Amino acid sequence: MYEAILLKFLISSYIDRFGQKLMKLEDHHLLMTNILLLDDEADLREEVADYLRARHYNVTEVGSIRQFNQYFSPLTCDIAIIDGMLPDGDGIDLVSELRDRNQRCGIVMFSARDASKDRINGYTSGVDHYITKPVRLEELAAVVKSLAWRVESVVAWRLDSSDWILKTPQNAPIRLTAMEHAFLMTLIKRPDKVHSRRQIVDALGKDAVSYDERNLDALILRLRKKVAEVTTEPLPVKTVHGQGYAITQSISLD
């Protein structure tokens, strides 16, 4: 009898501790989700932000596209919530610009325009979810939770800046030379920017006047070959013809 009571107590205690651990893990996951909220209606923006913060999301509020561009970074923005009509531009155009720059954050659009063609324009521009006003907060919370799991599940490239090792999404290590490491660090510091060849050469510590830019071409080619030897994923660096180079996917620093 005493053994049965003791066993029941131990099982109950284990279940209780396990449940608390799961809750802590879920809270930690949500705290890792950063949201950039763009809406020029201050009252609505504050209401939405407070609602999401109460659910443990990190929310930054902005009221214009200009402010959005000041705060946005693909390394820190997991989800962008964007109003369709703004005082300094159209939200659809902003979404298209983000997707043209290969930004992979989740995007939710608020809009008073609820016609079928408006929804289609939103989705074809790159919106993940299109929510019409008035905003239903419970629906928004469900959408954000779904997007948060999706963006967190995307395994990114990682750069160990102390050991000069680039890790693929499959965690395969690629040892870098000093120049390869410096090249990637230059792009990572400003992931939303196209870096000119001159800027990259300067960052490598070379004299732009005497430096043979074919050496830069050879460096990038070698780096692409290294990546191709260990993964089918391409190096997340694109050539912008006539301008320079930019990263196409977030590379986190370890």
C-alpha atoms as a PDB file:
ATOM      1  CA  MET A   1       0.000   0.000   0.000  1.00  0.00           C
ATOM      2  CA  TYR A   2       2.741   2.427   1.006  1.00  0.00           C
ATOM      3  CA  GLU A   3       4.692   1.496  -2.118  1.00  0.00           C
ATOM      4  CA  ALA A   4       1.665   2.346  -4.308  1.00  0.00           C
ATOM      5  CA  ILE A   5       1.197   5.728  -2.587  1.00  0.00           C
ATOM      6  CA  LEU A   6       4.905   6.534  -2.957  1.00  0.00           C
ATOM      7  CA  LEU A   7       4.874   5.529  -6.625  1.00  0.00           C
ATOM      8  CA  LYS A   8       1.811   7.723  -7.276  1.00  0.00           C
ATOM      9  CA  PHE A   9       3.532  10.669  -5.561  1.00  0.00           C
ATOM     10  CA  LEU A  10       6.718  10.237  -7.589  1.00  0.00           C
ATOM     11  CA  ILE A  11       4.810  10.031 -10.889  1.00  0.00           C
ATOM     12  CA  SER A  12       2.764  13.137 -10.018  1.00  0.00           C
ATOM     13  CA  SER A  13       5.921  15.095  -9.120  1.00  0.00           C
ATOM     14  CA  TYR A  14       7.645  14.051 -12.349  1.00  0.00           C
ATOM     15  CA  ILE A  15       4.681  15.085 -14.502  1.00  0.00           C
ATOM     16  CA  ASP A  16       4.491  18.444 -12.720  1.00  0.00           C
ATOM     17  CA  ARG A  17       8.211  19.164 -13.217  1.00  0.00           C
ATOM     18  CA  PHE A  18       8.060  18.036 -16.853  1.00  0.00           C
ATOM     19  CA  GLY A  19       5.099  20.312 -17.547  1.00  0.00           C
ATOM     20  CA  GLN A  20       6.885  23.298 -16.007  1.00  0.00           C
ATOM     21  CA  LYS A  21       9.951  22.566 -18.137  1.00  0.00           C
ATOM     22  CA  LEU A  22       7.848  22.540 -21.307  1.00  0.00           C
ATOM     23  CA  MET A  23       6.289  25.872 -20.356  1.00  0.00           C
ATOM     24  CA  LYS A  24       9.729  27.396 -19.823  1.00  0.00           C
ATOM     25  CA  LEU A  25      10.911  26.070 -23.182  1.00  0.00           C
ATOM     26  CA  GLU A  26       7.887  27.551 -24.930  1.00  0.00           C
ATOM     27  CA  ASP A  27       8.388  30.925 -23.224  1.00  0.00           C
ATOM     28  CA  HIS A  28      12.067  30.884 -24.249  1.00  0.00           C
ATOM     29  CA  HIS A  29      11.082  30.185 -27.836  1.00  0.00           C
ATOM     30  CA  LEU A  30       8.659  33.104 -27.910  1.00  0.00           C
ATOM     31  CA  LEU A  31      11.179  35.442 -26.349  1.00  0.00           C
ATOM     32  CA  MET A  32      13.467  34.681 -29.251  1.00  0.00           C
ATOM     33  CA  THR A  33      10.882  36.022 -31.727  1.00  0.00           C
ATOM     34  CA  ASN A  34      11.395  39.674 -32.664  1.00  0.00           C
ATOM     35  CA  ILE A  35       8.557  41.563 -34.335  1.00  0.00           C
ATOM     36  CA  LEU A  36       8.783  44.900 -36.150  1.00  0.00           C
ATOM     37  CA  LEU A  37       5.331  46.490 -36.203  1.00  0.00           C
ATOM     38  CA  LEU A  38       4.623  49.235 -38.770  1.00  0.00           C
ATOM     39  CA  ASP A  39       1.324  51.110 -38.536  1.00  0.00           C
ATOM     40  CA  ASP A  40       0.674  54.845 -38.597  1.00  0.00           C
ATOM     41  CA  GLU A  41      -2.434  54.542 -36.376  1.00  0.00           C
ATOM     42  CA  ALA A  42      -0.847  55.048 -32.969  1.00  0.00           C
ATOM     43  CA  ASP A  43      -3.769  53.663 -30.934  1.00  0.00           C
ATOM     44  CA  LEU A  44      -4.011  50.461 -32.976  1.00  0.00           C
ATOM     45  CA  ARG A  45      -0.242  50.051 -33.042  1.00  0.00           C
ATOM     46  CA  GLU A  46      -0.029  50.361 -29.264  1.00  0.00           C
ATOM     47  CA  GLU A  47      -2.943  47.970 -28.723  1.00  0.00           C
ATOM     48  CA  VAL A  48      -1.415  45.312 -30.994  1.00  0.00           C
ATOM     49  CA  ALA A  49       2.060  45.754 -29.505  1.00  0.00           C
ATOM     50  CA  ASP A  50       0.788  45.432 -25.923  1.00  0.00           C
ATOM     51  CA  TYR A  51      -1.244  42.347 -26.844  1.00  0.00           C
ATOM     52  CA  LEU A  52       1.775  40.615 -28.403  1.00  0.00           C
ATOM     53  CA  ARG A  53       4.143  41.639 -25.607  1.00  0.00           C
ATOM     54  CA  ALA A  54       1.732  40.078 -23.115  1.00  0.00           C
ATOM     55  CA  ARG A  55       2.329  36.860 -25.045  1.00  0.00           C
ATOM     56  CA  HIS A  56       6.093  37.222 -24.619  1.00  0.00           C
ATOM     57  CA  TYR A  57       7.093  38.504 -28.051  1.00  0.00           C
ATOM     58  CA  ASN A  58       9.665  41.271 -28.476  1.00  0.00           C
ATOM     59  CA  VAL A  59       7.911  44.093 -30.363  1.00  0.00           C
ATOM     60  CA  THR A  60       9.395  47.266 -31.847  1.00  0.00           C
ATOM     61  CA  GLU A  61       6.885  49.905 -32.999  1.00  0.00           C
ATOM     62  CA  VAL A  62       7.359  52.281 -35.947  1.00  0.00           C
ATOM     63  CA  GLY A  63       4.931  54.618 -37.688  1.00  0.00           C
ATOM     64  CA  SER A  64       6.427  55.145 -41.156  1.00  0.00           C
ATOM     65  CA  ILE A  65       8.376  53.372 -43.879  1.00  0.00           C
ATOM     66  CA  ARG A  66      11.324  55.657 -43.160  1.00  0.00           C
ATOM     67  CA  GLN A  67      11.378  54.499 -39.532  1.00  0.00           C
ATOM     68  CA  PHE A  68      10.877  50.881 -40.610  1.00  0.00           C
ATOM     69  CA  ASN A  69      13.979  51.036 -42.806  1.00  0.00           C
ATOM     70  CA  GLN A  70      15.947  52.523 -39.918  1.00  0.00           C
ATOM     71  CA  TYR A  71      15.065  49.661 -37.564  1.00  0.00           C
ATOM     72  CA  PHE A  72      14.822  46.702 -39.925  1.00  0.00           C
ATOM     73  CA  SER A  73      17.632  44.157 -39.996  1.00  0.00           C
ATOM     74  CA  PRO A  74      17.328  40.583 -41.302  1.00  0.00           C
ATOM     75  CA  LEU A  75      19.500  39.469 -38.392  1.00  0.00           C
ATOM     76  CA  THR A  76      17.071  40.760 -35.763  1.00  0.00           C
ATOM     77  CA  CYS A  77      13.629  40.862 -37.414  1.00  0.00           C
ATOM     78  CA  ASP A  78      11.813  37.509 -37.415  1.00  0.00           C
ATOM     79  CA  ILE A  79       8.357  38.836 -38.300  1.00  0.00           C
ATOM     80  CA  ALA A  80       7.290  42.151 -39.850  1.00  0.00           C
ATOM     81  CA  ILE A  81       3.712  43.375 -39.440  1.00  0.00           C
ATOM     82  CA  ILE A  82       3.051  46.041 -42.072  1.00  0.00           C
ATOM     83  CA  ASP A  83       0.052  48.291 -42.632  1.00  0.00           C
ATOM     84  CA  GLY A  84      -1.101  48.485 -46.244  1.00  0.00           C
ATOM     85  CA  MET A  85      -1.591  52.247 -46.435  1.00  0.00           C
ATOM     86  CA  LEU A  86       1.044  54.503 -44.924  1.00  0.00           C
ATOM     87  CA  PRO A  87       1.726  58.261 -44.984  1.00  0.00           C
ATOM     88  CA  ASP A  88       5.023  57.896 -46.861  1.00  0.00           C
ATOM     89  CA  GLY A  89       4.259  54.999 -49.192  1.00  0.00           C
ATOM     90  CA  ASP A  90       2.398  51.779 -49.898  1.00  0.00           C
ATOM     91  CA  GLY A  91       2.893  48.727 -47.702  1.00  0.00           C
ATOM     92  CA  ILE A  92       2.700  46.423 -50.740  1.00  0.00           C
ATOM     93  CA  ASP A  93       5.671  48.209 -52.306  1.00  0.00           C
ATOM     94  CA  LEU A  94       7.643  47.791 -49.073  1.00  0.00           C
ATOM     95  CA  VAL A  95       6.888  44.060 -48.994  1.00  0.00           C
ATOM     96  CA  SER A  96       7.979  43.688 -52.628  1.00  0.00           C
ATOM     97  CA  GLU A  97      11.213  45.518 -51.837  1.00  0.00           C
ATOM     98  CA  LEU A  98      11.918  43.206 -48.885  1.00  0.00           C
ATOM     99  CA  ARG A  99      11.344  40.089 -50.969  1.00  0.00           C
ATOM    100  CA  ASP A 100      13.438  41.477 -53.850  1.00  0.00           C
ATOM    101  CA  ARG A 101      16.274  41.747 -51.326  1.00  0.00           C
ATOM    102  CA  ASN A 102      15.713  38.067 -50.422  1.00  0.00           C
ATOM    103  CA  GLN A 103      14.575  38.880 -46.897  1.00  0.00           C
ATOM    104  CA  ARG A 104      13.015  35.722 -45.482  1.00  0.00           C
ATOM    105  CA  CYS A 105      11.291  37.093 -42.410  1.00  0.00           C
ATOM    106  CA  GLY A 106       7.624  36.326 -41.919  1.00  0.00           C
ATOM    107  CA  ILE A 107       5.362  39.136 -43.149  1.00  0.00           C
ATOM    108  CA  VAL A 108       1.824  39.946 -41.998  1.00  0.00           C
ATOM    109  CA  MET A 109      -0.140  42.713 -43.703  1.00  0.00           C
ATOM    110  CA  PHE A 110      -2.897  44.809 -42.123  1.00  0.00           C
ATOM    111  CA  SER A 111      -5.238  46.443 -44.612  1.00  0.00           C
ATOM    112  CA  ALA A 112      -8.649  48.076 -44.839  1.00  0.00           C
ATOM    113  CA  ARG A 113      -8.741  46.907 -48.471  1.00  0.00           C
ATOM    114  CA  ASP A 114     -10.533  43.556 -48.478  1.00  0.00           C
ATOM    115  CA  ALA A 115     -11.322  42.995 -52.159  1.00  0.00           C
ATOM    116  CA  SER A 116     -10.083  39.767 -53.704  1.00  0.00           C
ATOM    117  CA  LYS A 117      -7.667  41.634 -56.007  1.00  0.00           C
ATOM    118  CA  ASP A 118      -6.132  43.420 -53.000  1.00  0.00           C
ATOM    119  CA  ARG A 119      -5.516  40.115 -51.223  1.00  0.00           C
ATOM    120  CA  ILE A 120      -4.006  38.653 -54.386  1.00  0.00           C
ATOM    121  CA  ASN A 121      -1.709  41.681 -54.741  1.00  0.00           C
ATOM    122  CA  GLY A 122      -0.618  41.190 -51.148  1.00  0.00           C
ATOM    123  CA  TYR A 123       0.185  37.514 -51.524  1.00  0.00           C
ATOM    124  CA  THR A 124       1.944  37.906 -54.873  1.00  0.00           C
ATOM    125  CA  SER A 125       4.121  40.668 -53.402  1.00  0.00           C
ATOM    126  CA  GLY A 126       5.356  38.239 -50.741  1.00  0.00           C
ATOM    127  CA  VAL A 127       2.934  38.580 -47.812  1.00  0.00           C
ATOM    128  CA  ASP A 128       2.552  35.419 -45.711  1.00  0.00           C
ATOM    129  CA  HIS A 129      -0.762  36.417 -44.110  1.00  0.00           C
ATOM    130  CA  TYR A 130      -3.214  39.163 -45.101  1.00  0.00           C
ATOM    131  CA  ILE A 131      -5.446  40.412 -42.260  1.00  0.00           C
ATOM    132  CA  THR A 132      -8.223  42.910 -42.905  1.00  0.00           C
ATOM    133  CA  LYS A 133      -9.130  45.686 -40.485  1.00  0.00           C
ATOM    134  CA  PRO A 134     -10.588  45.828 -37.912  1.00  0.00           C
ATOM    135  CA  VAL A 135      -7.833  43.554 -36.627  1.00  0.00           C
ATOM    136  CA  ARG A 136      -9.010  40.592 -34.553  1.00  0.00           C
ATOM    137  CA  LEU A 137      -6.288  40.158 -31.966  1.00  0.00           C
ATOM    138  CA  GLU A 138      -6.878  36.445 -31.312  1.00  0.00           C
ATOM    139  CA  GLU A 139      -6.581  35.723 -35.036  1.00  0.00           C
ATOM    140  CA  LEU A 140      -3.408  37.804 -35.202  1.00  0.00           C
ATOM    141  CA  ALA A 141      -1.925  35.891 -32.260  1.00  0.00           C
ATOM    142  CA  ALA A 142      -2.577  32.577 -34.021  1.00  0.00           C
ATOM    143  CA  VAL A 143      -0.990  33.862 -37.234  1.00  0.00           C
ATOM    144  CA  VAL A 144       2.082  35.189 -35.420  1.00  0.00           C
ATOM    145  CA  LYS A 145       2.523  31.946 -33.466  1.00  0.00           C
ATOM    146  CA  SER A 146       2.405  29.931 -36.701  1.00  0.00           C
ATOM    147  CA  LEU A 147       4.907  32.240 -38.397  1.00  0.00           C
ATOM    148  CA  ALA A 148       7.179  32.229 -35.349  1.00  0.00           C
ATOM    149  CA  TRP A 149       7.524  28.458 -35.487  1.00  0.00           C
ATOM    150  CA  ARG A 150       8.245  28.609 -39.212  1.00  0.00           C
ATOM    151  CA  VAL A 151      10.951  31.253 -39.052  1.00  0.00           C
ATOM    152  CA  GLU A 152      12.560  29.672 -35.981  1.00  0.00           C
ATOM    153  CA  SER A 153      12.637  26.281 -37.718  1.00  0.00           C
ATOM    154  CA  VAL A 154      14.710  27.636 -40.614  1.00  0.00           C
ATOM    155  CA  VAL A 155      18.262  26.490 -39.982  1.00  0.00           C
ATOM    156  CA  ALA A 156      20.641  29.269 -40.933  1.00  0.00           C
ATOM    157  CA  TRP A 157      24.273  29.452 -41.877  1.00  0.00           C
ATOM    158  CA  ARG A 158      26.579  30.188 -38.959  1.00  0.00           C
ATOM    159  CA  LEU A 159      30.024  31.725 -38.761  1.00  0.00           C
ATOM    160  CA  ASP A 160      32.365  30.940 -35.903  1.00  0.00           C
ATOM    161  CA  SER A 161      34.302  34.184 -35.972  1.00  0.00           C
ATOM    162  CA  SER A 162      36.899  33.043 -33.429  1.00  0.00           C
ATOM    163  CA  ASP A 163      37.931  29.840 -35.250  1.00  0.00           C
ATOM    164  CA  TRP A 164      37.168  31.095 -38.782  1.00  0.00           C
ATOM    165  CA  ILE A 165      34.736  28.255 -39.523  1.00  0.00           C
ATOM    166  CA  LEU A 166      31.611  28.641 -41.650  1.00  0.00           C
ATOM    167  CA  LYS A 167      28.893  26.092 -40.825  1.00  0.00           C
ATOM    168  CA  THR A 168      26.292  25.089 -43.395  1.00  0.00           C
ATOM    169  CA  PRO A 169      22.583  24.650 -42.537  1.00  0.00           C
ATOM    170  CA  GLN A 170      23.441  20.936 -42.153  1.00  0.00           C
ATOM    171  CA  ASN A 171      26.188  21.905 -39.668  1.00  0.00           C
ATOM    172  CA  ALA A 172      29.040  20.878 -41.972  1.00  0.00           C
ATOM    173  CA  PRO A 173      32.172  22.913 -41.086  1.00  0.00           C
ATOM    174  CA  ILE A 174      34.130  24.859 -43.709  1.00  0.00           C
ATOM    175  CA  ARG A 175      37.486  26.200 -42.577  1.00  0.00           C
ATOM    176  CA  LEU A 176      38.166  29.702 -43.890  1.00  0.00           C
ATOM    177  CA  THR A 177      41.311  31.600 -44.700  1.00  0.00           C
ATOM    178  CA  ALA A 178      41.864  35.025 -43.177  1.00  0.00           C
ATOM    179  CA  MET A 179      40.753  36.728 -46.405  1.00  0.00           C
ATOM    180  CA  GLU A 180      37.638  34.557 -46.773  1.00  0.00           C
ATOM    181  CA  HIS A 181      36.680  35.278 -43.176  1.00  0.00           C
ATOM    182  CA  ALA A 182      37.202  39.025 -43.632  1.00  0.00           C
ATOM    183  CA  PHE A 183      35.141  38.964 -46.836  1.00  0.00           C
ATOM    184  CA  LEU A 184      32.162  37.280 -45.137  1.00  0.00           C
ATOM    185  CA  MET A 185      32.381  39.486 -42.059  1.00  0.00           C
ATOM    186  CA  THR A 186      32.194  42.567 -44.286  1.00  0.00           C
ATOM    187  CA  LEU A 187      28.913  41.355 -45.793  1.00  0.00           C
ATOM    188  CA  ILE A 188      27.441  40.166 -42.488  1.00  0.00           C
ATOM    189  CA  LYS A 189      27.951  43.513 -40.752  1.00  0.00           C
ATOM    190  CA  ARG A 190      25.543  45.151 -43.225  1.00  0.00           C
ATOM    191  CA  PRO A 191      23.350  42.300 -44.495  1.00  0.00           C
ATOM    192  CA  ASP A 192      20.833  44.622 -46.144  1.00  0.00           C
ATOM    193  CA  LYS A 193      23.488  46.403 -48.222  1.00  0.00           C
ATOM    194  CA  VAL A 194      25.219  45.736 -51.529  1.00  0.00           C
ATOM    195  CA  HIS A 195      28.958  46.132 -50.937  1.00  0.00           C
ATOM    196  CA  SER A 196      31.034  47.502 -53.783  1.00  0.00           C
ATOM    197  CA  ARG A 197      34.238  45.788 -54.816  1.00  0.00           C
ATOM    198  CA  ARG A 198      36.163  48.873 -53.633  1.00  0.00           C
ATOM    199  CA  GLN A 199      34.576  48.644 -50.181  1.00  0.00           C
ATOM    200  CA  ILE A 200      35.398  44.953 -49.928  1.00  0.00           C
ATOM    201  CA  VAL A 201      39.002  45.492 -51.015  1.00  0.00           C
ATOM    202  CA  ASP A 202      39.356  48.207 -48.356  1.00  0.00           C
ATOM    203  CA  ALA A 203      37.859  45.863 -45.730  1.00  0.00           C
ATOM    204  CA  LEU A 204      40.407  43.213 -46.686  1.00  0.00           C
ATOM    205  CA  GLY A 205      43.138  45.700 -45.823  1.00  0.00           C
ATOM    206  CA  LYS A 206      44.396  46.020 -49.394  1.00  0.00           C
ATOM    207  CA  ASP A 207      45.320  49.090 -51.395  1.00  0.00           C
ATOM    208  CA  ALA A 208      42.469  49.600 -53.832  1.00  0.00           C
ATOM    209  CA  VAL A 209      44.746  51.316 -56.368  1.00  0.00           C
ATOM    210  CA  SER A 210      47.310  48.529 -56.696  1.00  0.00           C
ATOM    211  CA  TYR A 211      45.090  45.557 -55.826  1.00  0.00           C
ATOM    212  CA  ASP A 212      44.277  43.222 -58.720  1.00  0.00           C
ATOM    213  CA  GLU A 213      40.505  42.650 -58.448  1.00  0.00           C
ATOM    214  CA  ARG A 214      40.945  39.278 -60.144  1.00  0.00           C
ATOM    215  CA  ASN A 215      42.272  38.148 -56.757  1.00  0.00           C
ATOM    216  CA  LEU A 216      38.873  38.979 -55.261  1.00  0.00           C
ATOM    217  CA  ASP A 217      37.145  36.967 -57.996  1.00  0.00           C
ATOM    218  CA  ALA A 218      39.456  34.039 -57.255  1.00  0.00           C
ATOM    219  CA  LEU A 219      38.768  34.297 -53.506  1.00  0.00           C
ATOM    220  CA  ILE A 220      35.004  34.110 -54.003  1.00  0.00           C
ATOM    221  CA  LEU A 221      35.335  31.268 -56.515  1.00  0.00           C
ATOM    222  CA  ARG A 222      37.443  29.245 -54.056  1.00  0.00           C
ATOM    223  CA  LEU A 223      34.913  29.877 -51.306  1.00  0.00           C
ATOM    224  CA  ARG A 224      32.036  28.712 -53.516  1.00  0.00           C
ATOM    225  CA  LYS A 225      33.995  25.536 -54.360  1.00  0.00           C
ATOM    226  CA  LYS A 226      34.643  24.840 -50.678  1.00  0.00           C
ATOM    227  CA  VAL A 227      30.929  25.108 -49.979  1.00  0.00           C
ATOM    228  CA  ALA A 228      30.016  22.899 -52.957  1.00  0.00           C
ATOM    229  CA  GLU A 229      32.300  20.151 -51.622  1.00  0.00           C
ATOM    230  CA  VAL A 230      30.273  19.688 -48.433  1.00  0.00           C
ATOM    231  CA  THR A 231      26.697  20.715 -49.262  1.00  0.00           C
ATOM    232  CA  THR A 232      24.218  21.168 -52.106  1.00  0.00           C
ATOM    233  CA  GLU A 233      23.298  24.550 -50.596  1.00  0.00           C
ATOM    234  CA  PRO A 234      24.920  27.410 -52.522  1.00  0.00           C
ATOM    235  CA  LEU A 235      27.058  29.970 -50.733  1.00  0.00           C
ATOM    236  CA  PRO A 236      24.565  32.651 -49.582  1.00  0.00           C
ATOM    237  CA  VAL A 237      26.364  35.416 -51.470  1.00  0.00           C
ATOM    238  CA  LYS A 238      25.131  36.931 -54.697  1.00  0.00           C
ATOM    239  CA  THR A 239      26.880  39.019 -57.312  1.00  0.00           C
ATOM    240  CA  VAL A 240      25.029  42.240 -58.102  1.00  0.00           C
ATOM    241  CA  HIS A 241      26.380  43.050 -61.537  1.00  0.00           C
ATOM    242  CA  GLY A 242      27.868  46.503 -61.783  1.00  0.00           C
ATOM    243  CA  GLN A 243      27.522  47.075 -58.037  1.00  0.00           C
ATOM    244  CA  GLY A 244      29.216  44.403 -55.919  1.00  0.00           C
ATOM    245  CA  TYR A 245      28.202  41.622 -53.534  1.00  0.00           C
ATOM    246  CA  ALA A 246      25.513  40.981 -50.920  1.00  0.00           C
ATOM    247  CA  ILE A 247      24.395  38.092 -48.761  1.00  0.00           C
ATOM    248  CA  THR A 248      21.143  36.337 -49.684  1.00  0.00           C
ATOM    249  CA  GLN A 249      20.464  34.625 -46.383  1.00  0.00           C
ATOM    250  CA  SER A 250      21.164  35.457 -42.766  1.00  0.00           C
ATOM    251  CA  ILE A 251      24.497  34.206 -41.432  1.00  0.00           C
ATOM    252  CA  SER A 252      24.510  34.178 -37.649  1.00  0.00           C
ATOM    253  CA  LEU A 253      27.667  34.753 -35.648  1.00  0.00           C
ATOM    254  CA  ASP A 254      28.637  32.125 -33.079  1.00  0.00           C
END
